[in-house]
């Protein structure tokens, strides 16, 4: 089931973000087509996803930009910082997409 997959930690969670976004959007469509499912299953799942995220998503959200490393040349440090900032930006965009898809699915049903 989707909920079991979402709560299992996985190191490639960013690679699965587009699939997860589509799955959350589909849950909104299912809630529209099957109101009985919406009341018993889908709304609870979406609310749980928003309020009690899986450990991997919490870890992604809490990762910040690392501090300056000792013993690294300034040019190398700038390159590393730029790459890490790009990765952090991708994580933020992915997490924002998940949250937006979840909220849209809840709003669509209501």
N, C-alpha and C. Protein backbone atom coordinates (compact mmCIF):
# COMPACT_ATOMS: atom_id res chain seq x y z
N UNK A 1 0.85 -1.18 0.00
CA UNK A 1 0.00 0.00 0.00
C UNK A 1 0.89 1.24 0.00
N UNK A 2 0.36 2.33 -0.50
CA UNK A 2 1.14 3.57 -0.62
C UNK A 2 1.60 4.06 0.74
N UNK A 3 0.72 4.01 1.73
CA UNK A 3 1.09 4.54 3.05
C UNK A 3 2.26 3.78 3.65
N UNK A 4 2.31 2.47 3.45
CA UNK A 4 3.42 1.68 3.97
C UNK A 4 4.72 2.07 3.27
N UNK A 5 4.67 2.29 1.96
CA UNK A 5 5.87 2.68 1.22
C UNK A 5 6.35 4.06 1.63
N UNK A 6 5.40 4.98 1.89
CA UNK A 6 5.78 6.34 2.25
C UNK A 6 6.46 6.41 3.62
N UNK A 7 6.09 5.51 4.54
CA UNK A 7 6.66 5.57 5.88
C UNK A 7 7.91 4.73 6.04
N UNK A 8 8.32 4.01 5.02
CA UNK A 8 9.56 3.26 5.10
C UNK A 8 10.71 4.16 4.68
N UNK A 9 11.74 4.28 5.50
CA UNK A 9 12.88 5.10 5.09
C UNK A 9 13.54 4.51 3.85
N UNK A 10 13.93 5.36 2.97
CA UNK A 10 14.58 4.93 1.74
C UNK A 10 15.57 6.00 1.33
N UNK A 11 16.75 5.62 0.96
CA UNK A 11 17.78 6.62 0.67
C UNK A 11 17.58 7.30 -0.68
N UNK A 12 16.73 6.77 -1.52
CA UNK A 12 16.47 7.38 -2.82
C UNK A 12 15.10 8.07 -2.84
N UNK A 13 14.73 8.66 -1.72
CA UNK A 13 13.40 9.26 -1.61
C UNK A 13 13.24 10.42 -2.58
N UNK A 14 14.29 11.16 -2.89
CA UNK A 14 14.18 12.25 -3.86
C UNK A 14 13.88 11.74 -5.26
N UNK A 15 14.42 10.61 -5.60
CA UNK A 15 14.16 10.04 -6.93
C UNK A 15 12.70 9.61 -7.07
N UNK A 16 12.07 9.29 -5.95
CA UNK A 16 10.69 8.84 -5.97
C UNK A 16 9.69 9.97 -5.78
N UNK A 17 10.16 11.20 -5.60
CA UNK A 17 9.26 12.33 -5.34
C UNK A 17 8.20 12.49 -6.42
N UNK A 18 8.54 12.46 -7.71
CA UNK A 18 7.48 12.64 -8.72
C UNK A 18 6.39 11.57 -8.63
N UNK A 19 6.78 10.35 -8.35
CA UNK A 19 5.80 9.27 -8.21
C UNK A 19 4.92 9.52 -6.98
N UNK A 20 5.53 9.97 -5.91
CA UNK A 20 4.78 10.24 -4.69
C UNK A 20 3.80 11.39 -4.89
N UNK A 21 4.22 12.42 -5.62
CA UNK A 21 3.33 13.55 -5.89
C UNK A 21 2.12 13.08 -6.69
N UNK A 22 2.36 12.28 -7.71
CA UNK A 22 1.25 11.76 -8.52
C UNK A 22 0.34 10.89 -7.67
N UNK A 23 0.91 10.08 -6.80
CA UNK A 23 0.09 9.22 -5.92
C UNK A 23 -0.79 10.06 -5.01
N UNK A 24 -0.25 11.14 -4.48
CA UNK A 24 -1.05 12.02 -3.63
C UNK A 24 -2.17 12.70 -4.42
N UNK A 25 -1.86 13.09 -5.66
CA UNK A 25 -2.89 13.70 -6.51
C UNK A 25 -3.98 12.69 -6.85
N UNK A 26 -3.60 11.46 -7.09
CA UNK A 26 -4.58 10.41 -7.40
C UNK A 26 -5.48 10.16 -6.19
N UNK A 27 -4.93 10.25 -5.00
CA UNK A 27 -5.78 10.09 -3.82
C UNK A 27 -6.87 11.16 -3.79
N UNK A 28 -6.54 12.38 -4.21
CA UNK A 28 -7.55 13.43 -4.29
C UNK A 28 -8.63 13.10 -5.30
N UNK A 29 -8.22 12.56 -6.45
CA UNK A 29 -9.20 12.14 -7.48
C UNK A 29 -10.08 11.00 -6.97
N UNK A 30 -9.49 10.06 -6.27
CA UNK A 30 -10.27 8.95 -5.71
C UNK A 30 -11.27 9.46 -4.67
N UNK A 31 -10.87 10.46 -3.90
CA UNK A 31 -11.78 11.02 -2.90
C UNK A 31 -12.98 11.66 -3.56
N UNK A 32 -12.77 12.29 -4.72
CA UNK A 32 -13.89 12.88 -5.45
C UNK A 32 -14.82 11.82 -6.00
N UNK A 33 -14.27 10.78 -6.56
CA UNK A 33 -15.08 9.74 -7.21
C UNK A 33 -15.76 8.81 -6.21
N UNK A 34 -15.10 8.57 -5.08
CA UNK A 34 -15.63 7.65 -4.08
C UNK A 34 -15.69 8.34 -2.72
N UNK A 35 -16.73 9.12 -2.47
CA UNK A 35 -16.82 9.87 -1.20
C UNK A 35 -16.77 8.98 0.04
N UNK A 36 -17.26 7.75 -0.07
CA UNK A 36 -17.21 6.86 1.10
C UNK A 36 -15.76 6.52 1.46
N UNK A 37 -14.93 6.36 0.46
CA UNK A 37 -13.50 6.12 0.72
C UNK A 37 -12.85 7.35 1.30
N UNK A 38 -13.27 8.50 0.83
CA UNK A 38 -12.69 9.74 1.32
C UNK A 38 -12.89 9.88 2.82
N UNK A 39 -14.11 9.60 3.28
CA UNK A 39 -14.39 9.74 4.71
C UNK A 39 -13.68 8.70 5.56
N UNK A 40 -13.55 7.50 5.05
CA UNK A 40 -13.01 6.43 5.88
C UNK A 40 -11.50 6.25 5.77
N UNK A 41 -10.92 6.61 4.63
CA UNK A 41 -9.51 6.28 4.42
C UNK A 41 -8.66 7.44 3.94
N UNK A 42 -9.07 8.08 2.86
CA UNK A 42 -8.19 9.00 2.14
C UNK A 42 -7.89 10.26 2.94
N UNK A 43 -8.91 10.87 3.51
CA UNK A 43 -8.69 12.11 4.27
C UNK A 43 -7.78 11.84 5.46
N UNK A 44 -8.01 10.72 6.13
CA UNK A 44 -7.14 10.39 7.28
C UNK A 44 -5.69 10.20 6.84
N UNK A 45 -5.50 9.52 5.71
CA UNK A 45 -4.15 9.31 5.21
C UNK A 45 -3.47 10.63 4.86
N UNK A 46 -4.18 11.50 4.16
CA UNK A 46 -3.60 12.79 3.75
C UNK A 46 -3.28 13.66 4.96
N UNK A 47 -4.19 13.67 5.93
CA UNK A 47 -3.92 14.43 7.16
C UNK A 47 -2.73 13.85 7.91
N UNK A 48 -2.66 12.54 7.98
CA UNK A 48 -1.51 11.90 8.65
C UNK A 48 -0.22 12.25 7.92
N UNK A 49 -0.26 12.25 6.60
CA UNK A 49 0.92 12.58 5.81
C UNK A 49 1.39 14.01 6.11
N UNK A 50 0.45 14.94 6.25
CA UNK A 50 0.82 16.33 6.54
C UNK A 50 1.29 16.52 7.97
N UNK A 51 0.62 15.88 8.91
CA UNK A 51 0.89 16.13 10.32
C UNK A 51 1.92 15.20 10.94
N UNK A 52 2.11 14.03 10.37
CA UNK A 52 3.03 13.04 10.92
C UNK A 52 3.87 12.45 9.79
N UNK A 53 4.80 13.25 9.23
CA UNK A 53 5.55 12.78 8.06
C UNK A 53 6.49 11.63 8.40
N UNK A 54 6.86 10.88 7.37
CA UNK A 54 7.76 9.75 7.58
C UNK A 54 9.14 10.25 8.00
N UNK A 55 9.91 9.42 8.68
CA UNK A 55 11.23 9.83 9.17
C UNK A 55 12.17 10.35 8.08
N UNK A 56 12.11 9.77 6.89
CA UNK A 56 13.01 10.21 5.82
C UNK A 56 12.67 11.63 5.37
N UNK A 57 11.39 11.97 5.29
CA UNK A 57 11.01 13.32 4.90
C UNK A 57 11.40 14.33 5.98
N UNK A 58 11.28 13.93 7.24
CA UNK A 58 11.71 14.80 8.33
C UNK A 58 13.21 15.05 8.23
N UNK A 59 13.96 14.00 7.93
CA UNK A 59 15.41 14.14 7.80
C UNK A 59 15.76 15.07 6.64
N UNK A 60 15.07 14.92 5.51
CA UNK A 60 15.31 15.80 4.36
C UNK A 60 15.00 17.25 4.70
N UNK A 61 13.92 17.46 5.40
CA UNK A 61 13.52 18.83 5.74
C UNK A 61 14.45 19.47 6.75
N UNK A 62 15.05 18.66 7.61
CA UNK A 62 15.89 19.22 8.67
C UNK A 62 17.34 19.42 8.24
N UNK A 63 17.72 18.86 7.11
CA UNK A 63 19.10 19.02 6.66
C UNK A 63 19.32 20.45 6.21
N UNK A 64 20.31 21.10 6.80
CA UNK A 64 20.61 22.47 6.44
C UNK A 64 21.88 22.57 5.64
N UNK A 65 22.26 23.77 5.35
CA UNK A 65 23.52 24.01 4.66
C UNK A 65 24.65 23.78 5.65
N UNK A 66 25.63 22.96 5.31
CA UNK A 66 26.71 22.65 6.26
C UNK A 66 27.61 23.85 6.52
N UNK A 67 28.28 23.79 7.66
CA UNK A 67 29.19 24.85 8.04
C UNK A 67 30.49 24.74 7.26
N UNK A 68 31.32 25.77 7.36
CA UNK A 68 32.61 25.81 6.68
C UNK A 68 33.50 24.68 7.22
N UNK A 69 34.10 23.94 6.31
CA UNK A 69 34.94 22.81 6.70
C UNK A 69 36.39 23.28 6.84
N UNK A 70 37.06 22.78 7.83
CA UNK A 70 38.47 23.13 8.04
C UNK A 70 39.36 22.34 7.11
N UNK A 71 40.43 22.95 6.67
CA UNK A 71 41.41 22.27 5.86
C UNK A 71 41.02 22.15 4.40
N UNK A 72 40.01 22.86 3.98
CA UNK A 72 39.58 22.81 2.58
C UNK A 72 39.89 24.17 1.95
N UNK A 73 40.45 24.14 0.76
CA UNK A 73 40.77 25.37 0.06
C UNK A 73 39.50 26.18 -0.19
N UNK A 74 39.59 27.52 -0.14
CA UNK A 74 38.40 28.35 -0.32
C UNK A 74 37.68 28.09 -1.64
N UNK A 75 38.41 27.90 -2.75
CA UNK A 75 37.76 27.66 -4.04
C UNK A 75 37.04 26.32 -4.04
N UNK A 76 37.68 25.33 -3.46
CA UNK A 76 37.06 24.01 -3.36
C UNK A 76 35.84 24.08 -2.46
N UNK A 77 35.96 24.83 -1.37
CA UNK A 77 34.84 24.99 -0.44
C UNK A 77 33.65 25.67 -1.13
N UNK A 78 33.93 26.66 -1.96
CA UNK A 78 32.85 27.34 -2.68
C UNK A 78 32.14 26.38 -3.62
N UNK A 79 32.92 25.55 -4.31
CA UNK A 79 32.33 24.58 -5.24
C UNK A 79 31.47 23.57 -4.47
N UNK A 80 31.98 23.09 -3.34
CA UNK A 80 31.24 22.13 -2.52
C UNK A 80 29.98 22.79 -1.97
N UNK A 81 30.11 24.03 -1.48
CA UNK A 81 28.95 24.74 -0.94
C UNK A 81 27.88 24.95 -2.01
N UNK A 82 28.29 25.31 -3.21
CA UNK A 82 27.35 25.54 -4.30
C UNK A 82 26.60 24.25 -4.63
N UNK A 83 27.33 23.16 -4.70
CA UNK A 83 26.70 21.86 -5.00
C UNK A 83 25.73 21.47 -3.88
N UNK A 84 26.13 21.68 -2.64
CA UNK A 84 25.25 21.33 -1.52
C UNK A 84 24.03 22.24 -1.46
N UNK A 85 24.20 23.51 -1.83
CA UNK A 85 23.06 24.42 -1.88
C UNK A 85 22.07 23.99 -2.97
N UNK A 86 22.59 23.53 -4.11
CA UNK A 86 21.73 23.05 -5.18
C UNK A 86 20.94 21.82 -4.73
N UNK A 87 21.61 20.92 -4.02
CA UNK A 87 20.93 19.74 -3.52
C UNK A 87 19.86 20.11 -2.49
N UNK A 88 20.20 21.06 -1.61
CA UNK A 88 19.22 21.51 -0.62
C UNK A 88 18.03 22.16 -1.30
N UNK A 89 18.28 22.90 -2.37
CA UNK A 89 17.20 23.54 -3.11
C UNK A 89 16.29 22.49 -3.75
N UNK A 90 16.87 21.44 -4.32
CA UNK A 90 16.08 20.37 -4.91
C UNK A 90 15.22 19.68 -3.84
N UNK A 91 15.78 19.49 -2.66
CA UNK A 91 15.03 18.87 -1.57
C UNK A 91 13.85 19.74 -1.16
N UNK A 92 14.10 21.06 -1.05
CA UNK A 92 13.02 21.97 -0.67
C UNK A 92 11.90 21.97 -1.72
N UNK A 93 12.28 21.98 -2.98
CA UNK A 93 11.28 21.96 -4.06
C UNK A 93 10.48 20.66 -4.01
N UNK A 94 11.17 19.55 -3.81
CA UNK A 94 10.48 18.26 -3.73
C UNK A 94 9.52 18.18 -2.55
N UNK A 95 9.97 18.63 -1.39
CA UNK A 95 9.11 18.62 -0.21
C UNK A 95 7.93 19.56 -0.39
N UNK A 96 8.18 20.71 -1.01
CA UNK A 96 7.09 21.65 -1.27
C UNK A 96 6.08 21.05 -2.23
N UNK A 97 6.55 20.30 -3.23
CA UNK A 97 5.65 19.64 -4.17
C UNK A 97 4.77 18.61 -3.47
N UNK A 98 5.37 17.85 -2.57
CA UNK A 98 4.59 16.86 -1.82
C UNK A 98 3.53 17.53 -0.97
N UNK A 99 3.92 18.58 -0.26
CA UNK A 99 2.97 19.28 0.60
C UNK A 99 1.84 19.91 -0.22
N UNK A 100 2.20 20.54 -1.33
CA UNK A 100 1.20 21.18 -2.18
C UNK A 100 0.23 20.15 -2.76
N UNK A 101 0.74 19.02 -3.21
CA UNK A 101 -0.12 17.98 -3.77
C UNK A 101 -1.07 17.44 -2.71
N UNK A 102 -0.59 17.30 -1.49
CA UNK A 102 -1.44 16.80 -0.41
C UNK A 102 -2.54 17.79 -0.07
N UNK A 103 -2.17 19.05 0.05
CA UNK A 103 -3.16 20.09 0.37
C UNK A 103 -4.18 20.21 -0.76
N UNK A 104 -3.71 20.19 -2.00
CA UNK A 104 -4.63 20.26 -3.15
C UNK A 104 -5.61 19.09 -3.15
N UNK A 105 -5.13 17.91 -2.80
CA UNK A 105 -6.01 16.74 -2.75
C UNK A 105 -7.07 16.89 -1.66
N UNK A 106 -6.66 17.44 -0.53
CA UNK A 106 -7.64 17.66 0.55
C UNK A 106 -8.66 18.74 0.16
N UNK A 107 -8.19 19.80 -0.46
CA UNK A 107 -9.07 20.89 -0.86
C UNK A 107 -10.02 20.44 -1.96
N UNK A 108 -9.54 19.64 -2.87
CA UNK A 108 -10.35 19.14 -3.99
C UNK A 108 -11.55 18.36 -3.46
N UNK A 109 -11.32 17.57 -2.42
CA UNK A 109 -12.39 16.74 -1.89
C UNK A 109 -13.40 17.58 -1.10
N UNK A 110 -12.92 18.55 -0.35
CA UNK A 110 -13.79 19.31 0.54
C UNK A 110 -14.76 20.21 -0.15
